[in-house]
Amino acid sequence: MSFYQFHKEQILHASIDEVWEFISSPVNLKEITPKYMGFDITSNLMKEKMYPGMIISYKLSPILGIKTTWVTEITQVRDKSYFVDEQRVGPYSIWHHQHIIEPLPGGVLMKDIISYKPPLGFLGAIANKLFIKSKLNEIFEYRRNVLELRFNASKKMERTTPKP
């Protein structure tokens, strides 16, 4: 059985309220997903905040432009602390994604821990080595850049701009 964990961390120079407001809204998923993936939410969320039991369905093209349906359930939420999404329909045998935020002096530490199992046994293990792990890294690097621009770029300008 091929089972993997993927970890990413990022410091955001924003308040816990600002970060939570952004990450707890499913409609913002499109903004932090690379454009080439053609990410579209297909469930009617109407800008709802995440809650335990929420089902989010979407279509995306992670590899070779092939459209895939993915359905996740938000299984746990602790306000301004973390939420967990788990795949119910999609490309993985197991997908469990923890989104954790912790206050730091002057900002927020954001952590992602993804536990996943590709399908197809040993073929999934080969696929992980060949492209799944690098694709996850590419997607989360894109996300890191978007969040850097959203939360950190304006704060850097404030810190470096002289006051009159």
N, C-alpha and C. Protein backbone atom coordinates (compact mmCIF):
# COMPACT_ATOMS: atom_id res chain seq x y z
N MET A 1 0.84 -1.19 0.00
CA MET A 1 0.00 0.00 0.00
C MET A 1 0.88 1.25 0.00
N SER A 2 0.70 2.11 -0.98
CA SER A 2 1.45 3.36 -1.08
C SER A 2 0.64 4.47 -0.44
N PHE A 3 1.14 4.99 0.66
CA PHE A 3 0.47 6.05 1.40
C PHE A 3 1.50 7.14 1.65
N TYR A 4 1.13 8.40 1.41
CA TYR A 4 2.10 9.50 1.47
C TYR A 4 1.54 10.66 2.28
N GLN A 5 2.48 11.50 2.75
CA GLN A 5 2.09 12.78 3.36
C GLN A 5 2.89 13.88 2.68
N PHE A 6 2.21 14.98 2.50
CA PHE A 6 2.78 16.16 1.87
C PHE A 6 2.59 17.32 2.84
N HIS A 7 3.65 18.05 3.16
CA HIS A 7 3.60 19.15 4.13
C HIS A 7 4.05 20.45 3.46
N LYS A 8 3.36 21.53 3.78
CA LYS A 8 3.77 22.88 3.36
C LYS A 8 3.46 23.84 4.48
N GLU A 9 4.34 24.83 4.64
CA GLU A 9 4.13 25.89 5.63
C GLU A 9 4.43 27.24 4.99
N GLN A 10 3.74 28.26 5.49
CA GLN A 10 3.94 29.61 5.00
C GLN A 10 3.58 30.60 6.09
N ILE A 11 4.36 31.66 6.20
CA ILE A 11 4.05 32.73 7.14
C ILE A 11 3.36 33.85 6.36
N LEU A 12 2.22 34.27 6.88
CA LEU A 12 1.46 35.36 6.28
C LEU A 12 1.45 36.53 7.26
N HIS A 13 1.76 37.71 6.75
CA HIS A 13 1.78 38.91 7.59
C HIS A 13 0.40 39.55 7.57
N ALA A 14 -0.51 38.90 8.28
CA ALA A 14 -1.90 39.33 8.37
C ALA A 14 -2.44 38.83 9.69
N SER A 15 -3.62 39.29 10.03
CA SER A 15 -4.24 38.82 11.28
C SER A 15 -4.87 37.46 11.05
N ILE A 16 -5.09 36.75 12.14
CA ILE A 16 -5.75 35.45 12.06
C ILE A 16 -7.15 35.62 11.47
N ASP A 17 -7.82 36.73 11.79
CA ASP A 17 -9.15 37.01 11.25
C ASP A 17 -9.12 37.15 9.73
N GLU A 18 -8.14 37.90 9.21
CA GLU A 18 -8.03 38.10 7.76
C GLU A 18 -7.76 36.79 7.03
N VAL A 19 -6.84 36.01 7.57
CA VAL A 19 -6.49 34.74 6.92
C VAL A 19 -7.67 33.79 6.98
N TRP A 20 -8.32 33.67 8.14
CA TRP A 20 -9.46 32.76 8.26
C TRP A 20 -10.59 33.18 7.33
N GLU A 21 -10.86 34.45 7.25
CA GLU A 21 -11.92 34.96 6.38
C GLU A 21 -11.69 34.49 4.94
N PHE A 22 -10.45 34.52 4.50
CA PHE A 22 -10.14 34.11 3.14
C PHE A 22 -10.19 32.59 2.96
N ILE A 23 -9.48 31.85 3.82
CA ILE A 23 -9.36 30.40 3.58
C ILE A 23 -10.62 29.62 3.91
N SER A 24 -11.51 30.18 4.72
CA SER A 24 -12.72 29.44 5.09
C SER A 24 -13.87 29.66 4.10
N SER A 25 -13.60 30.36 3.02
CA SER A 25 -14.61 30.57 1.99
C SER A 25 -14.27 29.72 0.76
N PRO A 26 -15.06 28.69 0.47
CA PRO A 26 -14.76 27.81 -0.66
C PRO A 26 -14.64 28.53 -2.01
N VAL A 27 -15.34 29.66 -2.16
CA VAL A 27 -15.27 30.36 -3.45
C VAL A 27 -13.86 30.88 -3.74
N ASN A 28 -13.00 30.99 -2.71
CA ASN A 28 -11.64 31.45 -2.92
C ASN A 28 -10.70 30.35 -3.43
N LEU A 29 -11.18 29.11 -3.48
CA LEU A 29 -10.35 28.01 -3.98
C LEU A 29 -9.88 28.27 -5.41
N LYS A 30 -10.73 28.85 -6.23
CA LYS A 30 -10.37 29.11 -7.63
C LYS A 30 -9.18 30.07 -7.71
N GLU A 31 -9.16 31.06 -6.84
CA GLU A 31 -8.08 32.06 -6.86
C GLU A 31 -6.72 31.45 -6.54
N ILE A 32 -6.69 30.42 -5.70
CA ILE A 32 -5.40 29.85 -5.28
C ILE A 32 -5.04 28.58 -6.04
N THR A 33 -5.77 28.29 -7.13
CA THR A 33 -5.50 27.12 -7.96
C THR A 33 -4.97 27.60 -9.31
N PRO A 34 -3.88 26.99 -9.80
CA PRO A 34 -3.33 27.43 -11.09
C PRO A 34 -4.39 27.46 -12.19
N LYS A 35 -4.34 28.51 -13.00
CA LYS A 35 -5.35 28.72 -14.05
C LYS A 35 -5.43 27.56 -15.02
N TYR A 36 -4.29 26.96 -15.37
CA TYR A 36 -4.28 25.88 -16.36
C TYR A 36 -5.09 24.66 -15.92
N MET A 37 -5.42 24.58 -14.63
CA MET A 37 -6.18 23.43 -14.13
C MET A 37 -7.68 23.56 -14.40
N GLY A 38 -8.12 24.72 -14.87
CA GLY A 38 -9.53 24.90 -15.21
C GLY A 38 -10.47 24.61 -14.06
N PHE A 39 -10.13 25.06 -12.88
CA PHE A 39 -10.87 24.77 -11.65
C PHE A 39 -12.21 25.49 -11.66
N ASP A 40 -13.30 24.74 -11.52
CA ASP A 40 -14.64 25.33 -11.43
C ASP A 40 -15.45 24.61 -10.36
N ILE A 41 -15.97 25.38 -9.41
CA ILE A 41 -16.87 24.82 -8.39
C ILE A 41 -18.21 24.57 -9.05
N THR A 42 -18.74 23.35 -8.86
CA THR A 42 -20.02 23.00 -9.48
C THR A 42 -21.16 22.97 -8.47
N SER A 43 -20.83 23.00 -7.17
CA SER A 43 -21.89 23.06 -6.17
C SER A 43 -22.27 24.52 -5.95
N ASN A 44 -23.50 24.75 -5.50
CA ASN A 44 -23.99 26.10 -5.29
C ASN A 44 -23.67 26.54 -3.86
N LEU A 45 -22.57 27.26 -3.69
CA LEU A 45 -22.13 27.62 -2.34
C LEU A 45 -22.55 29.02 -1.92
N MET A 46 -22.81 29.89 -2.87
CA MET A 46 -23.27 31.24 -2.57
C MET A 46 -22.46 31.90 -1.46
N LYS A 47 -21.14 31.81 -1.53
CA LYS A 47 -20.22 32.46 -0.60
C LYS A 47 -20.41 32.03 0.85
N GLU A 48 -20.82 30.79 1.05
CA GLU A 48 -20.95 30.26 2.41
C GLU A 48 -19.59 30.03 3.03
N LYS A 49 -19.52 30.10 4.34
CA LYS A 49 -18.32 29.71 5.07
C LYS A 49 -18.36 28.20 5.27
N MET A 50 -17.18 27.60 5.37
CA MET A 50 -17.11 26.16 5.55
C MET A 50 -17.70 25.75 6.89
N TYR A 51 -18.32 24.58 6.89
CA TYR A 51 -18.89 24.01 8.11
C TYR A 51 -18.77 22.49 8.01
N PRO A 52 -18.73 21.79 9.15
CA PRO A 52 -18.64 20.33 9.10
C PRO A 52 -19.83 19.75 8.34
N GLY A 53 -19.56 18.86 7.41
CA GLY A 53 -20.60 18.25 6.60
C GLY A 53 -20.81 18.93 5.26
N MET A 54 -20.19 20.09 5.05
CA MET A 54 -20.32 20.79 3.77
C MET A 54 -19.71 19.93 2.67
N ILE A 55 -20.44 19.79 1.58
CA ILE A 55 -19.97 19.06 0.40
C ILE A 55 -19.64 20.09 -0.67
N ILE A 56 -18.42 19.99 -1.22
CA ILE A 56 -17.98 20.89 -2.28
C ILE A 56 -17.64 20.03 -3.49
N SER A 57 -18.30 20.29 -4.60
CA SER A 57 -17.98 19.56 -5.82
C SER A 57 -17.39 20.53 -6.83
N TYR A 58 -16.42 20.04 -7.59
CA TYR A 58 -15.80 20.86 -8.59
C TYR A 58 -15.23 20.00 -9.71
N LYS A 59 -14.92 20.66 -10.79
CA LYS A 59 -14.26 20.02 -11.92
C LYS A 59 -12.92 20.71 -12.11
N LEU A 60 -11.94 19.92 -12.48
CA LEU A 60 -10.62 20.46 -12.76
C LEU A 60 -9.89 19.53 -13.70
N SER A 61 -8.82 20.04 -14.27
CA SER A 61 -8.01 19.27 -15.22
C SER A 61 -6.57 19.23 -14.71
N PRO A 62 -6.27 18.33 -13.78
CA PRO A 62 -4.92 18.31 -13.20
C PRO A 62 -3.84 17.79 -14.13
N ILE A 63 -4.20 16.88 -15.05
CA ILE A 63 -3.20 16.26 -15.91
C ILE A 63 -3.73 16.16 -17.33
N LEU A 64 -2.94 16.62 -18.28
CA LEU A 64 -3.22 16.49 -19.71
C LEU A 64 -4.57 17.09 -20.14
N GLY A 65 -5.07 18.06 -19.39
CA GLY A 65 -6.32 18.71 -19.75
C GLY A 65 -7.55 17.84 -19.63
N ILE A 66 -7.43 16.69 -18.96
CA ILE A 66 -8.55 15.77 -18.80
C ILE A 66 -9.41 16.23 -17.62
N LYS A 67 -10.69 16.57 -17.89
CA LYS A 67 -11.59 17.04 -16.83
C LYS A 67 -11.91 15.91 -15.85
N THR A 68 -11.80 16.23 -14.57
CA THR A 68 -12.06 15.28 -13.50
C THR A 68 -13.07 15.90 -12.54
N THR A 69 -14.00 15.10 -12.07
CA THR A 69 -14.92 15.55 -11.03
C THR A 69 -14.31 15.20 -9.68
N TRP A 70 -14.34 16.15 -8.76
CA TRP A 70 -13.80 15.94 -7.43
C TRP A 70 -14.87 16.43 -6.45
N VAL A 71 -15.15 15.63 -5.45
CA VAL A 71 -16.10 16.01 -4.40
C VAL A 71 -15.40 15.84 -3.07
N THR A 72 -15.40 16.91 -2.28
CA THR A 72 -14.81 16.83 -0.94
C THR A 72 -15.87 17.17 0.10
N GLU A 73 -15.66 16.63 1.28
CA GLU A 73 -16.50 16.96 2.43
C GLU A 73 -15.63 17.64 3.47
N ILE A 74 -16.14 18.74 4.01
CA ILE A 74 -15.47 19.38 5.13
C ILE A 74 -15.89 18.59 6.37
N THR A 75 -14.93 17.89 6.97
CA THR A 75 -15.28 16.98 8.06
C THR A 75 -15.08 17.60 9.44
N GLN A 76 -14.18 18.57 9.54
CA GLN A 76 -13.92 19.21 10.83
C GLN A 76 -13.63 20.69 10.61
N VAL A 77 -14.11 21.52 11.53
CA VAL A 77 -13.82 22.95 11.49
C VAL A 77 -13.66 23.44 12.92
N ARG A 78 -12.59 24.12 13.18
CA ARG A 78 -12.44 24.86 14.44
C ARG A 78 -12.14 26.30 14.02
N ASP A 79 -13.08 27.19 14.32
CA ASP A 79 -13.01 28.58 13.89
C ASP A 79 -11.64 29.20 14.18
N LYS A 80 -11.07 29.80 13.14
CA LYS A 80 -9.79 30.51 13.23
C LYS A 80 -8.64 29.63 13.70
N SER A 81 -8.75 28.33 13.43
CA SER A 81 -7.71 27.40 13.85
C SER A 81 -7.40 26.36 12.76
N TYR A 82 -8.43 25.63 12.30
CA TYR A 82 -8.19 24.62 11.26
C TYR A 82 -9.50 24.15 10.65
N PHE A 83 -9.36 23.52 9.49
CA PHE A 83 -10.44 22.72 8.93
C PHE A 83 -9.82 21.57 8.16
N VAL A 84 -10.62 20.53 7.96
CA VAL A 84 -10.17 19.33 7.27
C VAL A 84 -11.13 19.04 6.13
N ASP A 85 -10.55 18.78 4.95
CA ASP A 85 -11.39 18.29 3.85
C ASP A 85 -10.92 16.89 3.47
N GLU A 86 -11.92 16.05 3.12
CA GLU A 86 -11.65 14.68 2.71
C GLU A 86 -12.36 14.42 1.39
N GLN A 87 -11.64 13.79 0.48
CA GLN A 87 -12.23 13.44 -0.82
C GLN A 87 -13.30 12.38 -0.66
N ARG A 88 -14.44 12.61 -1.31
CA ARG A 88 -15.50 11.62 -1.36
C ARG A 88 -15.58 10.99 -2.76
N VAL A 89 -15.32 11.79 -3.80
CA VAL A 89 -15.26 11.31 -5.18
C VAL A 89 -14.06 12.01 -5.81
N GLY A 90 -13.22 11.24 -6.50
CA GLY A 90 -12.08 11.86 -7.15
C GLY A 90 -10.98 10.88 -7.48
N PRO A 91 -9.82 11.41 -7.79
CA PRO A 91 -8.75 10.58 -8.33
C PRO A 91 -7.96 9.76 -7.32
N TYR A 92 -8.09 10.04 -6.03
CA TYR A 92 -7.29 9.34 -5.03
C TYR A 92 -8.10 8.26 -4.31
N SER A 93 -7.40 7.24 -3.84
CA SER A 93 -8.04 6.25 -2.98
C SER A 93 -8.32 6.86 -1.62
N ILE A 94 -7.38 7.70 -1.14
CA ILE A 94 -7.53 8.44 0.12
C ILE A 94 -6.99 9.84 -0.10
N TRP A 95 -7.72 10.84 0.41
CA TRP A 95 -7.27 12.23 0.40
C TRP A 95 -7.80 12.88 1.67
N HIS A 96 -6.91 13.29 2.54
CA HIS A 96 -7.25 13.92 3.82
C HIS A 96 -6.35 15.15 3.94
N HIS A 97 -6.94 16.33 3.92
CA HIS A 97 -6.18 17.58 3.87
C HIS A 97 -6.50 18.44 5.09
N GLN A 98 -5.48 18.64 5.93
CA GLN A 98 -5.61 19.50 7.11
C GLN A 98 -5.08 20.90 6.76
N HIS A 99 -5.91 21.91 7.01
CA HIS A 99 -5.53 23.31 6.81
C HIS A 99 -5.45 23.91 8.22
N ILE A 100 -4.27 24.29 8.65
CA ILE A 100 -4.06 24.74 10.03
C ILE A 100 -3.50 26.15 9.99
N ILE A 101 -4.04 27.03 10.84
CA ILE A 101 -3.46 28.36 11.00
C ILE A 101 -3.21 28.62 12.48
N GLU A 102 -2.06 29.22 12.75
CA GLU A 102 -1.66 29.52 14.12
C GLU A 102 -1.16 30.95 14.19
N PRO A 103 -1.59 31.70 15.20
CA PRO A 103 -1.10 33.07 15.32
C PRO A 103 0.38 33.10 15.68
N LEU A 104 1.08 34.05 15.10
CA LEU A 104 2.48 34.33 15.41
C LEU A 104 2.59 35.82 15.69
N PRO A 105 3.63 36.25 16.36
CA PRO A 105 3.81 37.71 16.49
C PRO A 105 3.93 38.33 15.09
N GLY A 106 3.02 39.21 14.77
CA GLY A 106 3.05 39.90 13.48
C GLY A 106 2.49 39.11 12.32
N GLY A 107 1.83 37.99 12.59
CA GLY A 107 1.29 37.24 11.46
C GLY A 107 0.67 35.92 11.83
N VAL A 108 0.66 35.04 10.85
CA VAL A 108 0.00 33.74 10.97
C VAL A 108 0.88 32.69 10.29
N LEU A 109 1.04 31.56 10.96
CA LEU A 109 1.68 30.40 10.34
C LEU A 109 0.57 29.55 9.76
N MET A 110 0.64 29.30 8.46
CA MET A 110 -0.34 28.47 7.80
C MET A 110 0.34 27.15 7.41
N LYS A 111 -0.29 26.04 7.80
CA LYS A 111 0.26 24.71 7.52
C LYS A 111 -0.78 23.90 6.76
N ASP A 112 -0.29 23.12 5.82
CA ASP A 112 -1.10 22.15 5.10
C ASP A 112 -0.46 20.79 5.29
N ILE A 113 -1.26 19.83 5.68
CA ILE A 113 -0.80 18.45 5.78
C ILE A 113 -1.78 17.61 4.97
N ILE A 114 -1.27 17.02 3.90
CA ILE A 114 -2.11 16.20 3.04
C ILE A 114 -1.65 14.75 3.17
N SER A 115 -2.56 13.89 3.58
CA SER A 115 -2.31 12.46 3.62
C SER A 115 -3.09 11.87 2.45
N TYR A 116 -2.39 11.15 1.58
CA TYR A 116 -3.06 10.65 0.38
C TYR A 116 -2.53 9.30 -0.05
N LYS A 117 -3.40 8.61 -0.77
CA LYS A 117 -3.04 7.32 -1.36
C LYS A 117 -3.51 7.35 -2.81
N PRO A 118 -2.57 7.28 -3.75
CA PRO A 118 -2.97 7.22 -5.15
C PRO A 118 -3.71 5.91 -5.43
N PRO A 119 -4.51 5.88 -6.48
CA PRO A 119 -5.19 4.63 -6.84
C PRO A 119 -4.22 3.67 -7.53
N LEU A 120 -4.66 2.49 -7.80
CA LEU A 120 -3.98 1.50 -8.65
C LEU A 120 -2.72 0.89 -8.04
N GLY A 121 -2.67 0.79 -6.72
CA GLY A 121 -1.59 0.05 -6.05
C GLY A 121 -0.20 0.48 -6.46
N PHE A 122 0.61 -0.46 -6.96
CA PHE A 122 2.00 -0.14 -7.28
C PHE A 122 2.10 0.84 -8.45
N LEU A 123 1.10 0.86 -9.34
CA LEU A 123 1.09 1.86 -10.42
C LEU A 123 0.91 3.27 -9.85
N GLY A 124 0.10 3.38 -8.80
CA GLY A 124 -0.07 4.67 -8.11
C GLY A 124 1.22 5.12 -7.45
N ALA A 125 1.98 4.17 -6.91
CA ALA A 125 3.28 4.48 -6.30
C ALA A 125 4.25 5.01 -7.35
N ILE A 126 4.22 4.40 -8.52
CA ILE A 126 5.07 4.87 -9.62
C ILE A 126 4.62 6.26 -10.07
N ALA A 127 3.31 6.44 -10.20
CA ALA A 127 2.77 7.75 -10.60
C ALA A 127 3.15 8.82 -9.59
N ASN A 128 3.15 8.47 -8.30
CA ASN A 128 3.54 9.45 -7.28
C ASN A 128 4.98 9.90 -7.50
N LYS A 129 5.87 8.94 -7.75
CA LYS A 129 7.28 9.28 -7.99
C LYS A 129 7.45 10.08 -9.27
N LEU A 130 6.71 9.71 -10.31
CA LEU A 130 6.88 10.36 -11.61
C LEU A 130 6.26 11.76 -11.69
N PHE A 131 5.05 11.94 -11.09
CA PHE A 131 4.43 13.25 -11.27
C PHE A 131 3.50 13.72 -10.16
N ILE A 132 2.89 12.87 -9.37
CA ILE A 132 1.91 13.34 -8.38
C ILE A 132 2.57 14.25 -7.36
N LYS A 133 3.66 13.81 -6.76
CA LYS A 133 4.33 14.61 -5.73
C LYS A 133 4.80 15.96 -6.29
N SER A 134 5.37 15.95 -7.48
CA SER A 134 5.84 17.21 -8.06
C SER A 134 4.67 18.11 -8.45
N LYS A 135 3.54 17.52 -8.88
CA LYS A 135 2.35 18.30 -9.22
C LYS A 135 1.77 18.97 -7.97
N LEU A 136 1.72 18.23 -6.85
CA LEU A 136 1.26 18.82 -5.60
C LEU A 136 2.16 19.99 -5.20
N ASN A 137 3.47 19.79 -5.33
CA ASN A 137 4.40 20.86 -4.99
C ASN A 137 4.18 22.08 -5.89
N GLU A 138 3.97 21.87 -7.16
CA GLU A 138 3.72 22.96 -8.11
C GLU A 138 2.43 23.72 -7.74
N ILE A 139 1.38 22.99 -7.42
CA ILE A 139 0.10 23.61 -7.06
C ILE A 139 0.25 24.44 -5.79
N PHE A 140 0.94 23.89 -4.79
CA PHE A 140 1.08 24.61 -3.53
C PHE A 140 2.09 25.76 -3.63
N GLU A 141 3.02 25.67 -4.55
CA GLU A 141 3.92 26.80 -4.80
C GLU A 141 3.14 27.94 -5.45
N TYR A 142 2.24 27.62 -6.36
CA TYR A 142 1.36 28.63 -6.96
C TYR A 142 0.53 29.29 -5.86
N ARG A 143 -0.04 28.48 -5.01
CA ARG A 143 -0.85 29.00 -3.92
C ARG A 143 -0.03 29.90 -2.99
N ARG A 144 1.19 29.47 -2.68
CA ARG A 144 2.07 30.27 -1.83
C ARG A 144 2.29 31.65 -2.46
N ASN A 145 2.52 31.68 -3.76
CA ASN A 145 2.74 32.96 -4.44
C ASN A 145 1.51 33.85 -4.41
N VAL A 146 0.33 33.27 -4.63
CA VAL A 146 -0.92 34.05 -4.60
C VAL A 146 -1.13 34.62 -3.20
N LEU A 147 -0.95 33.79 -2.17
CA LEU A 147 -1.15 34.27 -0.80
C LEU A 147 -0.09 35.29 -0.40
N GLU A 148 1.12 35.11 -0.89
CA GLU A 148 2.19 36.08 -0.65
C GLU A 148 1.77 37.46 -1.19
N LEU A 149 1.27 37.49 -2.41
CA LEU A 149 0.81 38.75 -3.00
C LEU A 149 -0.39 39.32 -2.25
N ARG A 150 -1.31 38.45 -1.89
CA ARG A 150 -2.53 38.91 -1.22
C ARG A 150 -2.27 39.47 0.17
N PHE A 151 -1.47 38.77 0.96
CA PHE A 151 -1.31 39.15 2.36
C PHE A 151 0.02 39.85 2.67
N ASN A 152 1.09 39.48 1.99
CA ASN A 152 2.40 39.98 2.39
C ASN A 152 2.88 41.17 1.58
N ALA A 153 2.51 41.27 0.31
CA ALA A 153 3.03 42.35 -0.53
C ALA A 153 2.63 43.71 0.00
N SER A 154 1.36 43.90 0.37
CA SER A 154 0.92 45.20 0.88
C SER A 154 1.56 45.51 2.23
N LYS A 155 1.79 44.48 3.04
CA LYS A 155 2.41 44.69 4.35
C LYS A 155 3.87 45.12 4.18
N LYS A 156 4.56 44.53 3.18
CA LYS A 156 5.95 44.93 2.91
C LYS A 156 6.00 46.38 2.47
N MET A 157 5.02 46.79 1.64
CA MET A 157 4.97 48.18 1.19
C MET A 157 4.76 49.10 2.38
N GLU A 158 3.89 48.71 3.32
CA GLU A 158 3.65 49.53 4.51
C GLU A 158 4.91 49.65 5.34
N ARG A 159 5.68 48.56 5.45
CA ARG A 159 6.88 48.57 6.28
C ARG A 159 8.02 49.35 5.64
N THR A 160 8.05 49.41 4.30
CA THR A 160 9.17 50.06 3.62
C THR A 160 8.84 51.47 3.14
N THR A 161 7.57 51.84 3.10
CA THR A 161 7.19 53.17 2.65
C THR A 161 7.39 54.17 3.79
N PRO A 162 8.23 55.21 3.55
CA PRO A 162 8.44 56.19 4.61
C PRO A 162 7.17 56.96 4.93
N LYS A 163 6.98 57.27 6.18
CA LYS A 163 5.83 58.06 6.61
C LYS A 163 6.17 59.54 6.43
N PRO A 164 5.22 60.33 5.93
CA PRO A 164 5.48 61.78 5.73
C PRO A 164 5.57 62.51 7.06
